[in-house]
N, C-alpha and C. Protein backbone atom coordinates (compact mmCIF):
# COMPACT_ATOMS: atom_id res chain seq x y z
N TRP A 1 0.84 -1.18 0.00
CA TRP A 1 0.00 0.00 0.00
C TRP A 1 0.87 1.22 0.00
N LEU A 2 1.08 1.75 -1.15
CA LEU A 2 2.00 2.86 -1.29
C LEU A 2 1.23 4.12 -1.64
N ASP A 3 1.64 5.23 -1.03
CA ASP A 3 1.05 6.50 -1.41
C ASP A 3 1.78 7.04 -2.63
N SER A 4 1.47 8.25 -3.04
CA SER A 4 2.04 8.79 -4.27
C SER A 4 3.56 8.96 -4.18
N ASP A 5 4.11 8.99 -2.97
CA ASP A 5 5.56 9.10 -2.80
C ASP A 5 6.20 7.74 -2.51
N ASN A 6 5.47 6.66 -2.76
CA ASN A 6 5.91 5.29 -2.52
C ASN A 6 6.20 5.02 -1.05
N ASN A 7 5.46 5.69 -0.18
CA ASN A 7 5.54 5.42 1.25
C ASN A 7 4.34 4.59 1.66
N THR A 8 4.50 3.80 2.69
CA THR A 8 3.38 3.02 3.18
C THR A 8 2.31 3.99 3.68
N THR A 9 1.07 3.75 3.26
CA THR A 9 -0.02 4.61 3.65
C THR A 9 -0.47 4.25 5.06
N PRO A 10 -0.42 5.20 6.00
CA PRO A 10 -0.82 4.90 7.36
C PRO A 10 -2.30 4.56 7.43
N GLY A 11 -2.66 3.65 8.32
CA GLY A 11 -4.06 3.31 8.53
C GLY A 11 -4.64 2.40 7.46
N MET A 12 -3.83 1.91 6.54
CA MET A 12 -4.34 1.10 5.45
C MET A 12 -4.75 -0.29 5.92
N ALA A 13 -4.39 -0.64 7.14
CA ALA A 13 -4.67 -1.98 7.63
C ALA A 13 -6.16 -2.22 7.87
N MET A 14 -6.95 -1.16 8.09
CA MET A 14 -8.38 -1.34 8.32
C MET A 14 -9.02 -1.92 7.07
N ASP A 15 -9.84 -2.94 7.25
CA ASP A 15 -10.54 -3.58 6.14
C ASP A 15 -11.33 -2.53 5.35
N TYR A 16 -11.26 -2.61 4.03
CA TYR A 16 -11.92 -1.61 3.20
C TYR A 16 -13.43 -1.57 3.41
N ARG A 17 -14.03 -2.70 3.75
CA ARG A 17 -15.47 -2.69 4.00
C ARG A 17 -15.81 -1.84 5.23
N LYS A 18 -15.04 -2.02 6.28
CA LYS A 18 -15.25 -1.21 7.49
C LYS A 18 -14.88 0.24 7.21
N PHE A 19 -13.75 0.45 6.52
CA PHE A 19 -13.31 1.81 6.22
C PHE A 19 -14.37 2.56 5.42
N SER A 20 -15.01 1.89 4.46
CA SER A 20 -15.97 2.57 3.59
C SER A 20 -17.10 3.21 4.39
N ASN A 21 -17.44 2.60 5.51
CA ASN A 21 -18.53 3.15 6.32
C ASN A 21 -18.05 4.22 7.29
N THR A 22 -16.75 4.53 7.28
CA THR A 22 -16.24 5.66 8.06
C THR A 22 -16.02 6.89 7.18
N VAL A 23 -16.15 6.71 5.85
CA VAL A 23 -15.95 7.82 4.92
C VAL A 23 -17.20 8.68 4.93
N LYS A 24 -17.02 9.94 5.27
CA LYS A 24 -18.13 10.87 5.39
C LYS A 24 -18.96 10.90 4.11
N GLY A 25 -20.27 10.79 4.27
CA GLY A 25 -21.17 10.90 3.13
C GLY A 25 -21.30 9.65 2.29
N MET A 26 -20.63 8.57 2.65
CA MET A 26 -20.72 7.34 1.85
C MET A 26 -21.37 6.24 2.67
N TYR A 27 -22.25 5.48 2.05
CA TYR A 27 -22.80 4.29 2.68
C TYR A 27 -22.81 3.20 1.62
N ILE A 28 -22.07 2.14 1.89
CA ILE A 28 -21.92 1.07 0.91
C ILE A 28 -22.23 -0.26 1.57
N ARG A 29 -23.09 -1.04 0.90
CA ARG A 29 -23.34 -2.41 1.33
C ARG A 29 -22.47 -3.33 0.50
N TRP A 30 -21.99 -4.38 1.13
CA TRP A 30 -21.05 -5.29 0.47
C TRP A 30 -21.65 -6.68 0.36
N ALA A 31 -21.35 -7.34 -0.74
CA ALA A 31 -21.67 -8.75 -0.92
C ALA A 31 -20.41 -9.52 -0.52
N GLY A 32 -20.28 -10.75 -0.96
CA GLY A 32 -19.12 -11.55 -0.58
C GLY A 32 -17.90 -11.32 -1.44
N ASP A 33 -18.06 -10.59 -2.55
CA ASP A 33 -16.96 -10.37 -3.48
C ASP A 33 -16.33 -9.01 -3.24
N ILE A 34 -15.40 -8.62 -4.10
CA ILE A 34 -14.72 -7.34 -3.90
C ILE A 34 -15.56 -6.16 -4.37
N PHE A 35 -16.62 -6.42 -5.12
CA PHE A 35 -17.50 -5.35 -5.59
C PHE A 35 -18.64 -5.13 -4.60
N PRO A 36 -19.12 -3.88 -4.53
CA PRO A 36 -20.26 -3.61 -3.63
C PRO A 36 -21.51 -4.35 -4.07
N ASP A 37 -22.46 -4.42 -3.17
CA ASP A 37 -23.77 -4.98 -3.45
C ASP A 37 -24.60 -3.87 -4.08
N TYR A 38 -24.84 -3.96 -5.39
CA TYR A 38 -25.56 -2.90 -6.09
C TYR A 38 -27.04 -2.94 -5.72
N ARG A 39 -27.47 -1.94 -4.98
CA ARG A 39 -28.89 -1.83 -4.63
C ARG A 39 -29.61 -1.09 -5.74
N ASP A 40 -30.90 -1.31 -5.85
CA ASP A 40 -31.69 -0.67 -6.89
C ASP A 40 -32.15 0.71 -6.39
N ILE A 41 -31.17 1.59 -6.20
CA ILE A 41 -31.47 2.95 -5.77
C ILE A 41 -30.68 3.92 -6.61
N SER A 42 -31.15 5.14 -6.64
CA SER A 42 -30.43 6.18 -7.35
C SER A 42 -29.49 6.86 -6.36
N GLY A 43 -28.85 7.87 -6.79
CA GLY A 43 -27.97 8.64 -5.92
C GLY A 43 -27.80 10.01 -6.53
N PRO A 44 -27.06 10.88 -5.88
CA PRO A 44 -26.84 12.21 -6.45
C PRO A 44 -25.86 12.15 -7.62
N ASN A 45 -25.80 13.25 -8.36
CA ASN A 45 -24.81 13.36 -9.43
C ASN A 45 -23.42 13.22 -8.83
N VAL A 46 -22.52 12.65 -9.59
CA VAL A 46 -21.15 12.48 -9.12
C VAL A 46 -20.45 13.84 -9.16
N SER A 47 -19.89 14.21 -8.04
CA SER A 47 -19.12 15.45 -7.92
C SER A 47 -17.66 15.07 -7.70
N GLN A 48 -16.78 16.05 -7.76
CA GLN A 48 -15.38 15.79 -7.48
C GLN A 48 -15.21 15.30 -6.04
N LYS A 49 -15.99 15.84 -5.13
CA LYS A 49 -15.91 15.42 -3.72
C LYS A 49 -16.30 13.95 -3.57
N ARG A 50 -17.39 13.54 -4.21
CA ARG A 50 -17.81 12.13 -4.13
C ARG A 50 -16.78 11.23 -4.81
N LEU A 51 -16.25 11.67 -5.95
CA LEU A 51 -15.24 10.86 -6.63
C LEU A 51 -14.02 10.69 -5.75
N ASN A 52 -13.56 11.75 -5.11
CA ASN A 52 -12.40 11.66 -4.23
C ASN A 52 -12.64 10.70 -3.07
N ARG A 53 -13.84 10.70 -2.53
CA ARG A 53 -14.16 9.77 -1.44
C ARG A 53 -14.14 8.33 -1.95
N ALA A 54 -14.69 8.12 -3.14
CA ALA A 54 -14.70 6.77 -3.72
C ALA A 54 -13.28 6.29 -4.01
N LYS A 55 -12.42 7.20 -4.44
CA LYS A 55 -11.03 6.84 -4.73
C LYS A 55 -10.36 6.22 -3.51
N THR A 56 -10.58 6.80 -2.32
CA THR A 56 -9.92 6.28 -1.12
C THR A 56 -10.35 4.84 -0.85
N ILE A 57 -11.59 4.53 -1.14
CA ILE A 57 -12.10 3.17 -0.91
C ILE A 57 -11.52 2.21 -1.95
N VAL A 58 -11.52 2.61 -3.22
CA VAL A 58 -11.06 1.72 -4.29
C VAL A 58 -9.56 1.45 -4.17
N VAL A 59 -8.79 2.44 -3.77
CA VAL A 59 -7.35 2.21 -3.55
C VAL A 59 -7.17 1.13 -2.48
N ARG A 60 -7.96 1.17 -1.43
CA ARG A 60 -7.87 0.15 -0.38
C ARG A 60 -8.28 -1.22 -0.90
N ILE A 61 -9.32 -1.26 -1.71
CA ILE A 61 -9.75 -2.55 -2.26
C ILE A 61 -8.62 -3.17 -3.08
N LEU A 62 -8.04 -2.39 -3.97
CA LEU A 62 -6.97 -2.91 -4.82
C LEU A 62 -5.78 -3.37 -4.00
N ALA A 63 -5.40 -2.60 -3.00
CA ALA A 63 -4.24 -2.96 -2.17
C ALA A 63 -4.52 -4.19 -1.33
N GLN A 64 -5.70 -4.25 -0.72
CA GLN A 64 -6.00 -5.36 0.18
C GLN A 64 -6.39 -6.63 -0.55
N GLU A 65 -6.88 -6.53 -1.76
CA GLU A 65 -7.31 -7.71 -2.52
C GLU A 65 -6.35 -8.06 -3.65
N GLU A 66 -5.11 -7.59 -3.55
CA GLU A 66 -4.13 -7.84 -4.62
C GLU A 66 -3.99 -9.33 -4.92
N ARG A 67 -3.88 -10.15 -3.90
CA ARG A 67 -3.72 -11.60 -4.13
C ARG A 67 -4.92 -12.20 -4.83
N ARG A 68 -6.10 -11.81 -4.36
CA ARG A 68 -7.34 -12.34 -4.93
C ARG A 68 -7.48 -11.93 -6.40
N ILE A 69 -7.17 -10.68 -6.70
CA ILE A 69 -7.25 -10.19 -8.08
C ILE A 69 -6.24 -10.92 -8.96
N THR A 70 -5.02 -11.05 -8.48
CA THR A 70 -3.98 -11.74 -9.24
C THR A 70 -4.39 -13.19 -9.49
N ARG A 71 -4.88 -13.86 -8.44
CA ARG A 71 -5.31 -15.25 -8.58
C ARG A 71 -6.41 -15.40 -9.63
N ALA A 72 -7.34 -14.43 -9.67
CA ALA A 72 -8.43 -14.50 -10.65
C ALA A 72 -7.89 -14.45 -12.07
N PHE A 73 -6.91 -13.60 -12.32
CA PHE A 73 -6.32 -13.52 -13.66
C PHE A 73 -5.50 -14.77 -13.98
N VAL A 74 -4.78 -15.31 -12.99
CA VAL A 74 -3.98 -16.53 -13.21
C VAL A 74 -4.91 -17.71 -13.50
N GLU A 75 -5.96 -17.86 -12.72
CA GLU A 75 -6.90 -18.97 -12.94
C GLU A 75 -7.58 -18.84 -14.29
N PHE A 76 -7.95 -17.62 -14.65
CA PHE A 76 -8.56 -17.42 -15.97
C PHE A 76 -7.58 -17.83 -17.07
N SER A 77 -6.33 -17.44 -16.93
CA SER A 77 -5.32 -17.79 -17.93
C SER A 77 -5.18 -19.31 -18.06
N LYS A 78 -5.21 -20.01 -16.93
CA LYS A 78 -5.10 -21.48 -16.98
C LYS A 78 -6.27 -22.08 -17.76
N ARG A 79 -7.48 -21.55 -17.50
CA ARG A 79 -8.66 -22.07 -18.23
C ARG A 79 -8.59 -21.68 -19.71
N ARG A 80 -8.24 -20.45 -19.97
CA ARG A 80 -8.22 -19.92 -21.33
C ARG A 80 -7.21 -20.64 -22.21
N TYR A 81 -6.07 -20.99 -21.61
CA TYR A 81 -5.00 -21.63 -22.37
C TYR A 81 -4.86 -23.10 -22.01
N HIS A 82 -5.94 -23.70 -21.54
CA HIS A 82 -6.03 -25.14 -21.31
C HIS A 82 -4.90 -25.71 -20.47
N GLY A 83 -4.58 -25.02 -19.39
CA GLY A 83 -3.58 -25.52 -18.46
C GLY A 83 -2.15 -25.23 -18.81
N GLU A 84 -1.91 -24.63 -19.97
CA GLU A 84 -0.53 -24.29 -20.35
C GLU A 84 0.01 -23.26 -19.36
N ASN A 85 1.28 -23.39 -19.04
CA ASN A 85 1.91 -22.40 -18.16
C ASN A 85 2.15 -21.12 -18.93
N ARG A 86 1.53 -20.08 -18.48
CA ARG A 86 1.69 -18.75 -19.07
C ARG A 86 2.17 -17.80 -17.99
N VAL A 87 2.91 -16.78 -18.37
CA VAL A 87 3.38 -15.78 -17.42
C VAL A 87 2.31 -14.70 -17.33
N VAL A 88 1.71 -14.58 -16.14
CA VAL A 88 0.66 -13.59 -15.89
C VAL A 88 1.24 -12.52 -14.98
N ARG A 89 1.15 -11.28 -15.43
CA ARG A 89 1.63 -10.16 -14.63
C ARG A 89 0.45 -9.23 -14.37
N VAL A 90 0.23 -8.91 -13.09
CA VAL A 90 -0.84 -8.02 -12.69
C VAL A 90 -0.21 -6.81 -12.01
N ASP A 91 -0.50 -5.64 -12.53
CA ASP A 91 0.13 -4.41 -12.07
C ASP A 91 -0.84 -3.60 -11.20
N ILE A 92 -0.92 -3.97 -9.93
CA ILE A 92 -1.82 -3.30 -8.98
C ILE A 92 -1.39 -1.85 -8.78
N LYS A 93 -0.08 -1.60 -8.72
CA LYS A 93 0.39 -0.22 -8.51
C LYS A 93 -0.09 0.70 -9.62
N ALA A 94 -0.06 0.24 -10.86
CA ALA A 94 -0.54 1.07 -11.98
C ALA A 94 -2.04 1.31 -11.86
N ALA A 95 -2.77 0.30 -11.42
CA ALA A 95 -4.22 0.46 -11.24
C ALA A 95 -4.51 1.49 -10.15
N ILE A 96 -3.75 1.41 -9.05
CA ILE A 96 -3.93 2.37 -7.96
C ILE A 96 -3.62 3.78 -8.46
N GLU A 97 -2.61 3.93 -9.26
CA GLU A 97 -2.27 5.25 -9.79
C GLU A 97 -3.37 5.76 -10.71
N ARG A 98 -3.94 4.89 -11.55
CA ARG A 98 -5.05 5.31 -12.42
C ARG A 98 -6.24 5.75 -11.59
N VAL A 99 -6.51 5.05 -10.49
CA VAL A 99 -7.62 5.44 -9.62
C VAL A 99 -7.36 6.81 -9.01
N ARG A 100 -6.16 7.00 -8.51
CA ARG A 100 -5.82 8.30 -7.89
C ARG A 100 -5.94 9.45 -8.89
N GLU A 101 -5.71 9.18 -10.17
CA GLU A 101 -5.75 10.21 -11.20
C GLU A 101 -7.09 10.26 -11.95
N ALA A 102 -8.08 9.47 -11.53
CA ALA A 102 -9.37 9.42 -12.22
C ALA A 102 -9.99 10.81 -12.28
N ARG A 103 -10.71 11.06 -13.37
CA ARG A 103 -11.29 12.37 -13.63
C ARG A 103 -12.78 12.27 -13.93
N LEU A 104 -13.46 13.37 -13.72
CA LEU A 104 -14.86 13.47 -14.10
C LEU A 104 -14.95 13.82 -15.58
N GLN A 105 -15.97 13.29 -16.22
CA GLN A 105 -16.24 13.67 -17.60
C GLN A 105 -17.65 14.25 -17.66
N PRO A 106 -17.98 14.96 -18.71
CA PRO A 106 -19.35 15.47 -18.82
C PRO A 106 -20.34 14.31 -18.80
N ASP A 107 -21.58 14.64 -18.51
CA ASP A 107 -22.62 13.61 -18.47
C ASP A 107 -22.52 12.69 -19.67
N ASN A 108 -22.62 11.42 -19.40
CA ASN A 108 -22.60 10.42 -20.44
C ASN A 108 -23.65 9.40 -20.05
N GLU A 109 -24.82 9.49 -20.63
CA GLU A 109 -25.92 8.60 -20.26
C GLU A 109 -25.71 7.17 -20.72
N GLU A 110 -24.70 6.95 -21.55
CA GLU A 110 -24.44 5.61 -22.06
C GLU A 110 -23.52 4.81 -21.16
N ARG A 111 -22.59 5.49 -20.47
CA ARG A 111 -21.59 4.78 -19.66
C ARG A 111 -21.39 5.48 -18.34
N PHE A 112 -21.24 4.69 -17.29
CA PHE A 112 -20.90 5.25 -15.98
C PHE A 112 -19.44 5.68 -15.96
N GLY A 113 -18.59 4.91 -16.66
CA GLY A 113 -17.16 5.22 -16.68
C GLY A 113 -16.49 4.58 -17.87
N GLU A 114 -15.28 5.01 -18.13
CA GLU A 114 -14.49 4.41 -19.19
C GLU A 114 -13.01 4.64 -18.91
N SER A 115 -12.18 3.85 -19.58
CA SER A 115 -10.74 3.94 -19.39
C SER A 115 -10.05 3.60 -20.69
N ASN A 116 -8.90 4.24 -20.90
CA ASN A 116 -8.09 3.92 -22.07
C ASN A 116 -6.80 3.20 -21.67
N GLY A 117 -6.74 2.78 -20.40
CA GLY A 117 -5.54 2.11 -19.91
C GLY A 117 -4.59 3.06 -19.21
N PHE A 118 -4.80 4.36 -19.43
CA PHE A 118 -3.96 5.37 -18.78
C PHE A 118 -4.80 6.27 -17.86
N THR A 119 -5.99 6.62 -18.33
CA THR A 119 -6.87 7.53 -17.60
C THR A 119 -8.22 6.88 -17.41
N ILE A 120 -8.80 7.10 -16.25
CA ILE A 120 -10.17 6.66 -15.96
C ILE A 120 -11.04 7.91 -15.94
N TRP A 121 -12.15 7.87 -16.66
CA TRP A 121 -13.12 8.95 -16.64
C TRP A 121 -14.42 8.41 -16.04
N ILE A 122 -14.97 9.16 -15.10
CA ILE A 122 -16.23 8.80 -14.45
C ILE A 122 -17.27 9.84 -14.83
N SER A 123 -18.45 9.38 -15.22
CA SER A 123 -19.53 10.28 -15.61
C SER A 123 -20.05 11.06 -14.41
N ARG A 124 -20.57 12.25 -14.67
CA ARG A 124 -21.17 13.07 -13.62
C ARG A 124 -22.62 12.68 -13.36
N MET A 125 -23.12 11.68 -14.04
CA MET A 125 -24.52 11.29 -13.91
C MET A 125 -24.85 10.80 -12.50
N LYS A 126 -26.10 10.63 -12.20
CA LYS A 126 -26.53 10.15 -10.88
C LYS A 126 -26.09 8.71 -10.69
N MET A 127 -25.45 8.44 -9.56
CA MET A 127 -25.02 7.09 -9.19
C MET A 127 -25.12 6.94 -7.68
N SER A 128 -25.48 5.74 -7.26
CA SER A 128 -25.42 5.43 -5.84
C SER A 128 -23.95 5.31 -5.44
N ASP A 129 -23.69 5.29 -4.14
CA ASP A 129 -22.31 5.11 -3.67
C ASP A 129 -21.75 3.78 -4.16
N GLU A 130 -22.59 2.73 -4.13
CA GLU A 130 -22.13 1.42 -4.61
C GLU A 130 -21.77 1.47 -6.09
N GLU A 131 -22.61 2.13 -6.90
CA GLU A 131 -22.33 2.22 -8.33
C GLU A 131 -21.06 3.01 -8.60
N LEU A 132 -20.85 4.08 -7.85
CA LEU A 132 -19.64 4.90 -8.04
C LEU A 132 -18.38 4.11 -7.71
N VAL A 133 -18.36 3.45 -6.56
CA VAL A 133 -17.20 2.65 -6.16
C VAL A 133 -17.01 1.48 -7.13
N GLY A 134 -18.10 0.82 -7.48
CA GLY A 134 -18.02 -0.31 -8.40
C GLY A 134 -17.53 0.09 -9.78
N THR A 135 -17.98 1.22 -10.27
CA THR A 135 -17.54 1.70 -11.59
C THR A 135 -16.06 2.03 -11.58
N LEU A 136 -15.63 2.72 -10.55
CA LEU A 136 -14.21 3.08 -10.45
C LEU A 136 -13.34 1.82 -10.34
N LEU A 137 -13.77 0.85 -9.55
CA LEU A 137 -13.03 -0.41 -9.43
C LEU A 137 -13.03 -1.17 -10.75
N HIS A 138 -14.18 -1.23 -11.39
CA HIS A 138 -14.28 -1.92 -12.69
C HIS A 138 -13.29 -1.34 -13.69
N GLU A 139 -13.27 -0.02 -13.81
CA GLU A 139 -12.37 0.62 -14.77
C GLU A 139 -10.91 0.42 -14.39
N ALA A 140 -10.62 0.38 -13.09
CA ALA A 140 -9.24 0.15 -12.64
C ALA A 140 -8.75 -1.24 -13.02
N LEU A 141 -9.66 -2.20 -13.13
CA LEU A 141 -9.27 -3.57 -13.45
C LEU A 141 -9.01 -3.79 -14.94
N HIS A 142 -9.38 -2.82 -15.77
CA HIS A 142 -9.04 -2.91 -17.20
C HIS A 142 -7.55 -2.60 -17.35
N CYS A 143 -6.90 -3.29 -18.25
CA CYS A 143 -5.48 -3.08 -18.58
C CYS A 143 -4.56 -3.31 -17.38
N ILE A 144 -4.99 -4.12 -16.44
CA ILE A 144 -4.20 -4.38 -15.23
C ILE A 144 -3.31 -5.62 -15.40
N ALA A 145 -3.70 -6.52 -16.31
CA ALA A 145 -2.99 -7.80 -16.43
C ALA A 145 -2.49 -8.03 -17.85
N MET A 146 -1.37 -8.74 -17.91
CA MET A 146 -0.80 -9.17 -19.18
C MET A 146 -0.49 -10.67 -19.08
N VAL A 147 -0.70 -11.36 -20.17
CA VAL A 147 -0.35 -12.78 -20.26
C VAL A 147 0.73 -12.91 -21.32
N ASP A 148 1.88 -13.43 -20.91
CA ASP A 148 3.03 -13.55 -21.81
C ASP A 148 3.34 -12.21 -22.48
N ASN A 149 3.32 -11.15 -21.69
CA ASN A 149 3.62 -9.79 -22.16
C ASN A 149 2.66 -9.27 -23.22
N LYS A 150 1.45 -9.82 -23.27
CA LYS A 150 0.44 -9.35 -24.21
C LYS A 150 -0.79 -8.93 -23.42
N GLU A 151 -1.42 -7.84 -23.89
CA GLU A 151 -2.63 -7.37 -23.23
C GLU A 151 -3.74 -8.39 -23.39
N ILE A 152 -4.61 -8.41 -22.41
CA ILE A 152 -5.79 -9.28 -22.45
C ILE A 152 -6.91 -8.52 -23.14
N CYS A 153 -7.68 -9.18 -23.98
CA CYS A 153 -8.77 -8.49 -24.67
C CYS A 153 -9.86 -8.11 -23.67
N GLU A 154 -10.65 -7.12 -24.04
CA GLU A 154 -11.68 -6.59 -23.16
C GLU A 154 -12.71 -7.65 -22.75
N LYS A 155 -13.05 -8.53 -23.68
CA LYS A 155 -14.01 -9.61 -23.38
C LYS A 155 -13.47 -10.49 -22.25
N ASP A 156 -12.19 -10.85 -22.32
CA ASP A 156 -11.59 -11.69 -21.28
C ASP A 156 -11.46 -10.93 -19.97
N GLU A 157 -11.12 -9.63 -20.06
CA GLU A 157 -11.07 -8.81 -18.83
C GLU A 157 -12.43 -8.81 -18.15
N HIS A 158 -13.49 -8.65 -18.93
CA HIS A 158 -14.83 -8.63 -18.35
C HIS A 158 -15.18 -9.97 -17.70
N GLN A 159 -14.70 -11.06 -18.27
CA GLN A 159 -14.95 -12.37 -17.65
C GLN A 159 -14.33 -12.42 -16.25
N VAL A 160 -13.10 -11.95 -16.12
CA VAL A 160 -12.42 -11.94 -14.81
C VAL A 160 -13.12 -10.98 -13.87
N ILE A 161 -13.51 -9.81 -14.36
CA ILE A 161 -14.20 -8.82 -13.54
C ILE A 161 -15.51 -9.40 -13.02
N ARG A 162 -16.24 -10.15 -13.86
CA ARG A 162 -17.47 -10.83 -13.38
C ARG A 162 -17.13 -11.85 -12.30
N GLU A 163 -16.06 -12.58 -12.48
CA GLU A 163 -15.67 -13.58 -11.48
C GLU A 163 -15.30 -12.92 -10.15
N LEU A 164 -14.86 -11.68 -10.20
CA LEU A 164 -14.54 -10.94 -8.98
C LEU A 164 -15.77 -10.28 -8.36
N GLY A 165 -16.93 -10.41 -9.03
CA GLY A 165 -18.17 -9.98 -8.41
C GLY A 165 -18.93 -8.86 -9.07
N ASP A 166 -18.46 -8.34 -10.20
CA ASP A 166 -19.21 -7.27 -10.87
C ASP A 166 -20.26 -7.88 -11.79
N ASP A 167 -21.27 -7.10 -12.13
CA ASP A 167 -22.34 -7.61 -12.98
C ASP A 167 -22.24 -7.06 -14.40
N CYS A 168 -21.02 -6.79 -14.86
CA CYS A 168 -20.83 -6.20 -16.19
C CYS A 168 -21.30 -7.12 -17.29
């Protein structure tokens, strides 16, 4: 768990589920996976303040679930390549940096968020706290893994993201 200066972030030991309920203005219900339990409720428009609060939670998820995320990509690779040994590299630090640098984009009624592998953009549209955290986490998981030094296609990334608990 490194901050922007590559120092250990103090207080990172608190479980992200517990931490999320200490973040002012956020209330998130969790299922058994790393993604929130998406309730059928609306929320306010995403502001920079809400995005910044969500970032603190998603950084903790990525740091605390690094093994689980890596294992999901490794297991997927084994299934995808029929048990062949492949070199799977998962770059959690890059994902954390993308989350820290995530930006708001103008309203986009088609997508909650998007990423090009370098930048994450989150829509200003209405989202619940769960949807905001889930969207940011989902986008952070794109372009996070390589198999034999090759990028994984978006379809395969989505399969792993579903296995980690998102409903994409």
